[in-house]
């Protein structure tokens, strides 16, 4: 067997049986071997698998074509999930997790070519990248959250002061302020 050079001519280099047994060719549509399947599965479970990975432009999730990259960037540019978008984002994350699981199960169980396995791994890593981006978003508008926290702090402080000064329930007729009016 001879390889073809870049100009289309035979290069004269041949495969030896030893070289083929060390690293079998990964093309020609043959079914992925079990050790290769394990390597592919290990790649999707690596700690840093999503580092440098890109979110796919489009992906089919639950039979529906989604512009995944534009959706994630649209939501992410806001830095928080707007109230009106929370349900949509939550549902998208659920669907992405379900799709990831289905693709992983295909990789584990189905007869695939190595190229199909590689494509599944790349898709799964892209889904993981999108999920990571969506998970990092805050739950609401940070200014609204800060105002709500400040209001709650003021209420707790006023309640503490009323108790400390003996004006527990000035409106209900108990405490020092109401006792002095009798």
N, C-alpha and C. Protein backbone atom coordinates (compact mmCIF):
# COMPACT_ATOMS: atom_id res chain seq x y z
N UNK A 1 0.86 -1.17 0.00
CA UNK A 1 0.00 0.00 0.00
C UNK A 1 0.89 1.22 0.00
N UNK A 2 0.62 2.16 -0.89
CA UNK A 2 1.45 3.36 -0.97
C UNK A 2 0.61 4.59 -0.69
N UNK A 3 1.24 5.58 -0.05
CA UNK A 3 0.57 6.85 0.23
C UNK A 3 0.74 7.75 -0.96
N UNK A 4 -0.16 8.65 -1.15
CA UNK A 4 -0.08 9.59 -2.24
C UNK A 4 0.47 10.89 -1.69
N UNK A 5 1.41 11.48 -2.40
CA UNK A 5 1.99 12.75 -1.99
C UNK A 5 1.02 13.88 -2.26
N UNK A 6 1.42 15.10 -1.88
CA UNK A 6 0.54 16.25 -2.03
C UNK A 6 0.27 16.57 -3.49
N UNK A 7 1.16 16.16 -4.38
CA UNK A 7 0.94 16.45 -5.79
C UNK A 7 0.17 15.34 -6.50
N UNK A 8 -0.28 14.32 -5.74
CA UNK A 8 -1.08 13.25 -6.31
C UNK A 8 -0.27 12.08 -6.80
N UNK A 9 1.04 12.11 -6.65
CA UNK A 9 1.87 11.01 -7.09
C UNK A 9 2.17 10.11 -5.92
N UNK A 10 2.53 8.89 -6.20
CA UNK A 10 2.86 7.94 -5.13
C UNK A 10 4.15 8.38 -4.46
N UNK A 11 4.18 8.36 -3.15
CA UNK A 11 5.36 8.82 -2.42
C UNK A 11 6.34 7.69 -2.19
N UNK A 12 5.91 6.47 -2.40
CA UNK A 12 6.82 5.36 -2.20
C UNK A 12 6.89 4.88 -0.77
N UNK A 13 6.16 5.53 0.16
CA UNK A 13 6.18 5.11 1.55
C UNK A 13 5.04 4.12 1.74
N UNK A 14 5.32 3.01 2.38
CA UNK A 14 4.28 2.00 2.57
C UNK A 14 4.04 1.73 4.03
N UNK A 15 2.89 1.15 4.35
CA UNK A 15 2.58 0.75 5.72
C UNK A 15 3.17 -0.62 5.95
N UNK A 16 3.71 -0.83 7.12
CA UNK A 16 4.16 -2.16 7.49
C UNK A 16 3.12 -2.79 8.37
N UNK A 17 3.04 -4.09 8.41
CA UNK A 17 2.06 -4.72 9.30
C UNK A 17 2.25 -4.29 10.74
N UNK A 18 3.49 -4.07 11.19
CA UNK A 18 3.74 -3.65 12.56
C UNK A 18 3.14 -2.27 12.81
N UNK A 19 3.34 -1.33 11.88
CA UNK A 19 2.80 0.02 12.05
C UNK A 19 1.28 -0.02 12.11
N UNK A 20 0.65 -0.85 11.29
CA UNK A 20 -0.80 -0.95 11.31
C UNK A 20 -1.31 -1.53 12.61
N UNK A 21 -0.57 -2.44 13.23
CA UNK A 21 -1.04 -3.03 14.48
C UNK A 21 -0.86 -2.08 15.65
N UNK A 22 0.09 -1.15 15.57
CA UNK A 22 0.28 -0.18 16.64
C UNK A 22 -0.81 0.88 16.58
N UNK A 23 -1.04 1.44 15.44
CA UNK A 23 -2.06 2.47 15.28
C UNK A 23 -2.82 2.20 13.99
N UNK A 24 -3.95 1.52 14.12
CA UNK A 24 -4.70 1.21 12.91
C UNK A 24 -5.20 2.48 12.24
N UNK A 25 -5.36 2.45 10.94
CA UNK A 25 -5.88 3.64 10.26
C UNK A 25 -7.27 3.97 10.77
N UNK A 26 -7.56 5.26 10.92
CA UNK A 26 -8.83 5.67 11.52
C UNK A 26 -9.83 6.13 10.46
N UNK A 27 -9.58 5.86 9.25
CA UNK A 27 -10.53 6.25 8.22
C UNK A 27 -11.22 5.01 7.69
N UNK A 28 -11.64 5.02 6.52
CA UNK A 28 -12.29 3.96 5.77
C UNK A 28 -13.56 3.43 6.43
N UNK A 29 -14.17 4.16 7.39
CA UNK A 29 -15.48 3.82 7.92
C UNK A 29 -15.56 2.57 8.78
N UNK A 30 -14.44 2.03 9.20
CA UNK A 30 -14.49 0.83 10.03
C UNK A 30 -15.08 1.17 11.40
N UNK A 31 -15.59 0.15 12.06
CA UNK A 31 -16.22 0.32 13.37
C UNK A 31 -15.14 0.61 14.41
N UNK A 32 -15.44 1.53 15.30
CA UNK A 32 -14.51 1.92 16.35
C UNK A 32 -14.22 0.71 17.25
N UNK A 33 -12.98 0.54 17.61
CA UNK A 33 -12.56 -0.55 18.50
C UNK A 33 -12.87 -0.14 19.95
N UNK A 34 -12.97 -1.12 20.84
CA UNK A 34 -13.31 -0.84 22.24
C UNK A 34 -12.30 0.07 22.91
N UNK A 35 -11.01 -0.11 22.68
CA UNK A 35 -10.02 0.75 23.33
C UNK A 35 -10.15 2.18 22.81
N UNK A 36 -10.51 2.33 21.54
CA UNK A 36 -10.71 3.67 20.98
C UNK A 36 -11.96 4.31 21.58
N UNK A 37 -13.00 3.49 21.76
CA UNK A 37 -14.24 3.97 22.37
C UNK A 37 -13.95 4.48 23.78
N UNK A 38 -13.14 3.74 24.54
CA UNK A 38 -12.78 4.17 25.89
C UNK A 38 -12.00 5.47 25.86
N UNK A 39 -11.11 5.62 24.88
CA UNK A 39 -10.34 6.86 24.75
C UNK A 39 -11.27 8.04 24.44
N UNK A 40 -12.22 7.81 23.57
CA UNK A 40 -13.17 8.87 23.22
C UNK A 40 -14.02 9.26 24.43
N UNK A 41 -14.48 8.27 25.16
CA UNK A 41 -15.28 8.54 26.36
C UNK A 41 -14.46 9.28 27.41
N UNK A 42 -13.20 8.91 27.54
CA UNK A 42 -12.32 9.58 28.51
C UNK A 42 -12.14 11.05 28.15
N UNK A 43 -12.08 11.35 26.86
CA UNK A 43 -11.90 12.74 26.43
C UNK A 43 -13.04 13.64 26.87
N UNK A 44 -14.27 13.11 26.85
CA UNK A 44 -15.40 13.97 27.23
C UNK A 44 -15.51 14.15 28.73
N UNK A 45 -14.85 13.29 29.49
CA UNK A 45 -14.92 13.39 30.95
C UNK A 45 -13.72 14.11 31.56
N UNK A 46 -12.76 14.49 30.74
CA UNK A 46 -11.58 15.19 31.26
C UNK A 46 -11.96 16.51 31.91
N UNK A 47 -11.22 16.85 32.95
CA UNK A 47 -11.45 18.10 33.69
C UNK A 47 -11.42 19.32 32.76
N UNK A 48 -10.43 19.45 31.95
CA UNK A 48 -10.27 20.63 31.10
C UNK A 48 -10.72 20.42 29.68
N UNK A 49 -11.64 19.52 29.44
CA UNK A 49 -12.04 19.19 28.07
C UNK A 49 -12.59 20.40 27.32
N UNK A 50 -13.24 21.32 28.02
CA UNK A 50 -13.86 22.45 27.33
C UNK A 50 -12.92 23.63 27.13
N UNK A 51 -11.72 23.55 27.71
CA UNK A 51 -10.77 24.65 27.57
C UNK A 51 -10.39 24.77 26.09
N UNK A 52 -10.62 25.92 25.54
CA UNK A 52 -10.29 26.16 24.14
C UNK A 52 -11.34 25.63 23.17
N UNK A 53 -12.34 24.94 23.67
CA UNK A 53 -13.39 24.41 22.80
C UNK A 53 -14.35 25.52 22.41
N UNK A 54 -14.93 25.37 21.24
CA UNK A 54 -15.89 26.36 20.77
C UNK A 54 -17.30 25.82 20.91
N UNK A 55 -18.21 26.72 21.15
CA UNK A 55 -19.63 26.37 21.18
C UNK A 55 -20.06 26.20 19.73
N UNK A 56 -20.73 25.09 19.41
CA UNK A 56 -21.17 24.88 18.02
C UNK A 56 -22.10 25.99 17.54
N UNK A 57 -21.96 26.37 16.26
CA UNK A 57 -22.86 27.38 15.70
C UNK A 57 -24.30 26.92 15.79
N UNK A 58 -24.54 25.70 15.30
CA UNK A 58 -25.87 25.12 15.33
C UNK A 58 -25.78 23.71 15.86
N UNK A 59 -26.87 23.27 16.47
CA UNK A 59 -26.93 21.90 16.97
C UNK A 59 -28.39 21.46 16.96
N UNK A 60 -28.61 20.19 16.72
CA UNK A 60 -29.96 19.65 16.78
C UNK A 60 -30.15 19.06 18.18
N UNK A 61 -31.10 19.61 18.90
CA UNK A 61 -31.39 19.18 20.26
C UNK A 61 -32.85 18.75 20.30
N UNK A 62 -33.08 17.49 20.68
CA UNK A 62 -34.43 16.95 20.76
C UNK A 62 -35.18 17.15 19.44
N UNK A 63 -34.48 16.97 18.32
CA UNK A 63 -35.08 17.07 17.00
C UNK A 63 -35.28 18.48 16.50
N UNK A 64 -34.85 19.48 17.27
CA UNK A 64 -35.03 20.88 16.88
C UNK A 64 -33.67 21.52 16.63
N UNK A 65 -33.54 22.21 15.51
CA UNK A 65 -32.29 22.88 15.16
C UNK A 65 -32.20 24.19 15.95
N UNK A 66 -31.08 24.37 16.65
CA UNK A 66 -30.89 25.56 17.51
C UNK A 66 -29.60 26.27 17.10
N UNK A 67 -29.67 27.59 17.01
CA UNK A 67 -28.48 28.40 16.81
C UNK A 67 -27.84 28.58 18.17
N UNK A 68 -27.09 27.56 18.61
CA UNK A 68 -26.60 27.49 19.98
C UNK A 68 -25.64 28.62 20.31
N UNK A 69 -24.68 28.86 19.43
CA UNK A 69 -23.68 29.89 19.73
C UNK A 69 -24.31 31.27 19.87
N UNK A 70 -25.21 31.63 18.97
CA UNK A 70 -25.84 32.95 19.07
C UNK A 70 -26.74 33.04 20.31
N UNK A 71 -27.43 31.95 20.66
CA UNK A 71 -28.27 31.94 21.86
C UNK A 71 -27.42 32.18 23.11
N UNK A 72 -26.32 31.44 23.24
CA UNK A 72 -25.47 31.57 24.42
C UNK A 72 -24.87 32.97 24.48
N UNK A 73 -24.38 33.48 23.35
CA UNK A 73 -23.77 34.81 23.38
C UNK A 73 -24.79 35.90 23.64
N UNK A 74 -26.02 35.72 23.13
CA UNK A 74 -27.08 36.70 23.39
C UNK A 74 -27.36 36.78 24.89
N UNK A 75 -27.48 35.63 25.53
CA UNK A 75 -27.77 35.60 26.97
C UNK A 75 -26.54 36.05 27.76
N UNK A 76 -25.37 35.58 27.36
CA UNK A 76 -24.14 35.84 28.12
C UNK A 76 -23.75 37.32 28.09
N UNK A 77 -24.01 38.02 27.01
CA UNK A 77 -23.59 39.43 26.92
C UNK A 77 -24.30 40.29 27.96
N UNK A 78 -25.41 39.81 28.46
CA UNK A 78 -26.15 40.53 29.50
C UNK A 78 -25.58 40.26 30.89
N UNK A 79 -24.74 39.28 31.04
CA UNK A 79 -24.08 38.87 32.27
C UNK A 79 -25.02 38.26 33.31
N UNK A 80 -26.30 38.49 33.19
CA UNK A 80 -27.27 37.85 34.07
C UNK A 80 -28.46 37.41 33.21
N UNK A 81 -29.24 36.52 33.73
CA UNK A 81 -30.41 36.05 33.01
C UNK A 81 -31.57 36.99 33.33
N UNK A 82 -32.08 37.70 32.34
CA UNK A 82 -33.22 38.58 32.60
C UNK A 82 -34.43 37.77 33.05
N UNK A 83 -35.28 38.40 33.84
CA UNK A 83 -36.43 37.69 34.40
C UNK A 83 -37.26 36.99 33.31
N UNK A 84 -37.49 37.64 32.21
CA UNK A 84 -38.30 37.07 31.13
C UNK A 84 -37.64 35.90 30.42
N UNK A 85 -36.34 35.76 30.57
CA UNK A 85 -35.59 34.71 29.87
C UNK A 85 -35.27 33.50 30.75
N UNK A 86 -35.54 33.58 32.03
CA UNK A 86 -35.13 32.51 32.96
C UNK A 86 -35.69 31.15 32.56
N UNK A 87 -36.98 31.09 32.26
CA UNK A 87 -37.59 29.82 31.89
C UNK A 87 -36.98 29.28 30.61
N UNK A 88 -36.75 30.15 29.66
CA UNK A 88 -36.16 29.75 28.38
C UNK A 88 -34.76 29.19 28.59
N UNK A 89 -33.95 29.85 29.41
CA UNK A 89 -32.59 29.40 29.69
C UNK A 89 -32.60 28.09 30.47
N UNK A 90 -33.47 28.00 31.45
CA UNK A 90 -33.59 26.76 32.24
C UNK A 90 -33.97 25.59 31.34
N UNK A 91 -34.92 25.80 30.46
CA UNK A 91 -35.34 24.74 29.54
C UNK A 91 -34.22 24.39 28.58
N UNK A 92 -33.49 25.39 28.10
CA UNK A 92 -32.37 25.14 27.19
C UNK A 92 -31.30 24.29 27.88
N UNK A 93 -31.01 24.60 29.14
CA UNK A 93 -30.01 23.81 29.88
C UNK A 93 -30.48 22.37 30.06
N UNK A 94 -31.75 22.17 30.38
CA UNK A 94 -32.29 20.82 30.52
C UNK A 94 -32.16 20.05 29.21
N UNK A 95 -32.54 20.70 28.12
CA UNK A 95 -32.47 20.05 26.81
C UNK A 95 -31.02 19.73 26.42
N UNK A 96 -30.11 20.63 26.72
CA UNK A 96 -28.69 20.39 26.41
C UNK A 96 -28.15 19.22 27.23
N UNK A 97 -28.52 19.16 28.50
CA UNK A 97 -28.07 18.03 29.34
C UNK A 97 -28.62 16.70 28.82
N UNK A 98 -29.88 16.72 28.42
CA UNK A 98 -30.51 15.51 27.88
C UNK A 98 -29.82 15.09 26.58
N UNK A 99 -29.55 16.07 25.72
CA UNK A 99 -28.88 15.78 24.45
C UNK A 99 -27.47 15.26 24.67
N UNK A 100 -26.77 15.83 25.64
CA UNK A 100 -25.42 15.36 25.97
C UNK A 100 -25.46 13.89 26.40
N UNK A 101 -26.41 13.57 27.27
CA UNK A 101 -26.54 12.20 27.75
C UNK A 101 -26.84 11.23 26.60
N UNK A 102 -27.75 11.62 25.71
CA UNK A 102 -28.09 10.76 24.58
C UNK A 102 -26.88 10.54 23.67
N UNK A 103 -26.12 11.59 23.42
CA UNK A 103 -24.94 11.44 22.56
C UNK A 103 -23.87 10.59 23.24
N UNK A 104 -23.72 10.76 24.55
CA UNK A 104 -22.76 9.93 25.28
C UNK A 104 -23.17 8.46 25.22
N UNK A 105 -24.45 8.20 25.38
CA UNK A 105 -24.94 6.82 25.31
C UNK A 105 -24.72 6.23 23.92
N UNK A 106 -24.89 7.05 22.88
CA UNK A 106 -24.58 6.58 21.52
C UNK A 106 -23.12 6.20 21.42
N UNK A 107 -22.26 7.03 21.98
CA UNK A 107 -20.83 6.78 21.95
C UNK A 107 -20.49 5.50 22.71
N UNK A 108 -21.19 5.25 23.80
CA UNK A 108 -20.93 4.05 24.61
C UNK A 108 -21.47 2.78 23.96
N UNK A 109 -22.63 2.85 23.32
CA UNK A 109 -23.35 1.64 22.95
C UNK A 109 -23.41 1.31 21.46
N UNK A 110 -23.46 2.31 20.60
CA UNK A 110 -23.71 2.04 19.18
C UNK A 110 -22.44 1.68 18.42
N UNK A 111 -22.65 0.98 17.31
CA UNK A 111 -21.54 0.72 16.40
C UNK A 111 -21.33 1.97 15.57
N UNK A 112 -20.17 2.56 15.71
CA UNK A 112 -19.85 3.81 15.03
C UNK A 112 -18.50 3.67 14.34
N UNK A 113 -18.31 4.50 13.33
CA UNK A 113 -16.96 4.60 12.78
C UNK A 113 -16.18 5.53 13.71
N UNK A 114 -14.86 5.51 13.59
CA UNK A 114 -14.06 6.38 14.43
C UNK A 114 -14.41 7.85 14.14
N UNK A 115 -14.64 8.16 12.89
CA UNK A 115 -14.99 9.54 12.51
C UNK A 115 -16.30 9.97 13.17
N UNK A 116 -17.28 9.06 13.21
CA UNK A 116 -18.54 9.38 13.88
C UNK A 116 -18.32 9.57 15.38
N UNK A 117 -17.47 8.75 15.96
CA UNK A 117 -17.13 8.89 17.38
C UNK A 117 -16.46 10.22 17.67
N UNK A 118 -15.53 10.60 16.81
CA UNK A 118 -14.85 11.90 16.95
C UNK A 118 -15.87 13.04 16.87
N UNK A 119 -16.79 12.94 15.92
CA UNK A 119 -17.79 13.99 15.76
C UNK A 119 -18.69 14.07 17.00
N UNK A 120 -19.04 12.92 17.57
CA UNK A 120 -19.84 12.92 18.80
C UNK A 120 -19.07 13.56 19.95
N UNK A 121 -17.79 13.23 20.08
CA UNK A 121 -16.97 13.82 21.14
C UNK A 121 -16.92 15.33 21.00
N UNK A 122 -16.68 15.82 19.78
CA UNK A 122 -16.62 17.27 19.56
C UNK A 122 -17.95 17.93 19.89
N UNK A 123 -19.05 17.29 19.51
CA UNK A 123 -20.37 17.85 19.82
C UNK A 123 -20.63 17.87 21.32
N UNK A 124 -20.27 16.81 22.00
CA UNK A 124 -20.48 16.73 23.45
C UNK A 124 -19.65 17.80 24.17
N UNK A 125 -18.41 17.97 23.74
CA UNK A 125 -17.55 19.00 24.35
C UNK A 125 -18.12 20.39 24.07
N UNK A 126 -18.66 20.60 22.87
CA UNK A 126 -19.32 21.87 22.55
C UNK A 126 -20.54 22.12 23.41
N UNK A 127 -21.32 21.07 23.64
CA UNK A 127 -22.49 21.17 24.53
C UNK A 127 -22.03 21.51 25.95
N UNK A 128 -20.98 20.84 26.41
CA UNK A 128 -20.44 21.13 27.75
C UNK A 128 -19.99 22.58 27.85
N UNK A 129 -19.37 23.08 26.80
CA UNK A 129 -18.90 24.47 26.78
C UNK A 129 -20.08 25.43 26.89
N UNK A 130 -21.15 25.14 26.15
CA UNK A 130 -22.35 25.97 26.21
C UNK A 130 -22.99 25.91 27.59
N UNK A 131 -23.06 24.71 28.16
CA UNK A 131 -23.62 24.56 29.51
C UNK A 131 -22.80 25.32 30.54
N UNK A 132 -21.48 25.25 30.43
CA UNK A 132 -20.62 26.00 31.36
C UNK A 132 -20.91 27.49 31.27
N UNK A 133 -21.04 28.00 30.05
CA UNK A 133 -21.31 29.43 29.86
C UNK A 133 -22.66 29.81 30.46
N UNK A 134 -23.66 28.98 30.26
CA UNK A 134 -24.99 29.29 30.80
C UNK A 134 -25.05 29.13 32.31
N UNK A 135 -24.30 28.20 32.86
CA UNK A 135 -24.29 27.99 34.31
C UNK A 135 -23.61 29.14 35.05
N UNK A 136 -22.72 29.84 34.40
CA UNK A 136 -21.97 30.93 35.05
C UNK A 136 -22.77 32.21 35.16
N UNK A 137 -23.94 32.25 34.55
CA UNK A 137 -24.75 33.46 34.59
C UNK A 137 -25.41 33.62 35.94
N UNK A 138 -25.55 34.87 36.36
CA UNK A 138 -26.24 35.16 37.62
C UNK A 138 -27.73 34.98 37.46
N UNK A 139 -28.45 34.82 38.56
CA UNK A 139 -29.88 34.54 38.49
C UNK A 139 -30.74 35.75 38.12
N UNK A 140 -30.28 36.98 38.39
CA UNK A 140 -31.11 38.15 38.14
C UNK A 140 -30.22 39.36 37.96
N UNK A 141 -30.86 40.49 37.79
CA UNK A 141 -30.16 41.75 37.65
C UNK A 141 -29.42 42.05 38.95
N UNK A 142 -28.14 42.31 38.86
CA UNK A 142 -27.33 42.53 40.06
C UNK A 142 -27.76 43.77 40.83
N UNK A 143 -28.17 44.82 40.13
CA UNK A 143 -28.61 46.04 40.82
C UNK A 143 -29.88 45.77 41.62
N UNK A 144 -30.82 45.03 41.03
CA UNK A 144 -32.06 44.69 41.74
C UNK A 144 -31.75 43.82 42.95
N UNK A 145 -30.84 42.87 42.78
CA UNK A 145 -30.46 42.00 43.90
C UNK A 145 -29.83 42.82 45.02
N UNK A 146 -28.96 43.78 44.68
CA UNK A 146 -28.31 44.61 45.69
C UNK A 146 -29.33 45.47 46.43
N UNK A 147 -30.29 46.05 45.70
CA UNK A 147 -31.33 46.86 46.34
C UNK A 147 -32.19 46.02 47.27
N UNK A 148 -32.56 44.84 46.82
CA UNK A 148 -33.37 43.95 47.66
C UNK A 148 -32.60 43.56 48.92
N UNK A 149 -31.33 43.29 48.79
CA UNK A 149 -30.51 42.94 49.94
C UNK A 149 -30.40 44.12 50.91
N UNK A 150 -30.22 45.32 50.37
CA UNK A 150 -30.12 46.52 51.21
C UNK A 150 -31.43 46.77 51.96
N UNK A 151 -32.56 46.59 51.28
CA UNK A 151 -33.87 46.77 51.92
C UNK A 151 -34.06 45.75 53.04
N UNK A 152 -33.70 44.51 52.79
CA UNK A 152 -33.82 43.47 53.82
C UNK A 152 -32.92 43.78 55.01
N UNK A 153 -31.71 44.27 54.75
CA UNK A 153 -30.79 44.65 55.83
C UNK A 153 -31.38 45.77 56.68
N UNK A 154 -31.98 46.78 56.04
CA UNK A 154 -32.58 47.90 56.77
C UNK A 154 -33.74 47.42 57.65
N UNK A 155 -34.55 46.52 57.12
CA UNK A 155 -35.68 45.99 57.91
C UNK A 155 -35.16 45.22 59.12
N UNK A 156 -34.14 44.41 58.93
CA UNK A 156 -33.57 43.67 60.06
C UNK A 156 -32.99 44.63 61.09
N UNK A 157 -32.32 45.68 60.65
CA UNK A 157 -31.72 46.65 61.55
C UNK A 157 -32.80 47.40 62.33
N UNK A 158 -33.86 47.81 61.68
CA UNK A 158 -34.95 48.51 62.36
C UNK A 158 -35.63 47.59 63.38
N UNK A 159 -35.80 46.34 63.02
CA UNK A 159 -36.39 45.37 63.95
C UNK A 159 -35.50 45.19 65.17
N UNK A 160 -34.19 45.11 64.94
CA UNK A 160 -33.24 44.97 66.03
C UNK A 160 -33.31 46.20 66.95
N UNK A 161 -33.32 47.40 66.37
CA UNK A 161 -33.38 48.63 67.16
C UNK A 161 -34.66 48.71 67.99
N UNK A 162 -35.80 48.35 67.39
CA UNK A 162 -37.05 48.36 68.14
C UNK A 162 -36.99 47.44 69.34
N UNK A 163 -36.45 46.24 69.14
CA UNK A 163 -36.33 45.29 70.24
C UNK A 163 -35.37 45.81 71.30
N UNK A 164 -34.23 46.35 70.87
CA UNK A 164 -33.21 46.83 71.81
C UNK A 164 -33.70 48.02 72.62
N UNK A 165 -34.51 48.88 72.03
CA UNK A 165 -35.00 50.07 72.72
C UNK A 165 -36.33 49.83 73.44
N UNK A 166 -36.83 48.62 73.34
CA UNK A 166 -38.07 48.29 74.03
C UNK A 166 -39.31 48.75 73.29
N UNK A 167 -39.21 49.06 72.05
CA UNK A 167 -40.36 49.48 71.24
C UNK A 167 -40.77 48.33 70.33
N UNK A 168 -40.90 47.17 70.91
CA UNK A 168 -41.11 45.94 70.15
C UNK A 168 -42.20 46.08 69.11
N UNK A 169 -43.41 46.28 69.52
CA UNK A 169 -44.52 46.40 68.58
C UNK A 169 -45.28 47.67 68.89
N UNK A 170 -44.75 48.81 68.52
CA UNK A 170 -45.37 50.10 68.83
C UNK A 170 -46.79 50.19 68.30
N UNK A 171 -47.08 49.53 67.20
CA UNK A 171 -48.42 49.59 66.62
C UNK A 171 -49.40 48.68 67.34
N UNK A 172 -48.91 47.66 68.04
CA UNK A 172 -49.82 46.69 68.64
C UNK A 172 -50.15 47.01 70.11
N UNK A 173 -49.58 48.06 70.66
CA UNK A 173 -49.92 48.45 72.02
C UNK A 173 -49.06 47.79 73.08
N UNK A 174 -47.96 47.10 72.68
CA UNK A 174 -47.07 46.51 73.66
C UNK A 174 -45.74 47.25 73.62
N UNK A 175 -44.95 47.03 74.61
CA UNK A 175 -43.65 47.71 74.65
C UNK A 175 -43.75 48.98 75.45
N UNK A 176 -42.61 49.66 75.72
CA UNK A 176 -42.57 50.85 76.55
C UNK A 176 -43.37 52.01 76.03
N UNK A 177 -43.30 52.25 74.72
CA UNK A 177 -43.97 53.41 74.14
C UNK A 177 -45.47 53.36 74.39
N UNK A 178 -46.07 52.23 74.25
CA UNK A 178 -47.51 52.13 74.45
C UNK A 178 -47.87 52.08 75.94
N UNK A 179 -46.99 51.57 76.81
CA UNK A 179 -47.28 51.51 78.24
C UNK A 179 -47.32 52.91 78.84
N UNK A 180 -46.54 53.81 78.32
CA UNK A 180 -46.50 55.17 78.87
C UNK A 180 -47.74 55.97 78.53
N UNK A 181 -48.50 55.54 77.54
CA UNK A 181 -49.68 56.30 77.10
C UNK A 181 -50.91 55.94 77.91
N UNK A 182 -50.89 54.95 78.72
CA UNK A 182 -52.10 54.51 79.42
C UNK A 182 -52.60 55.48 80.40
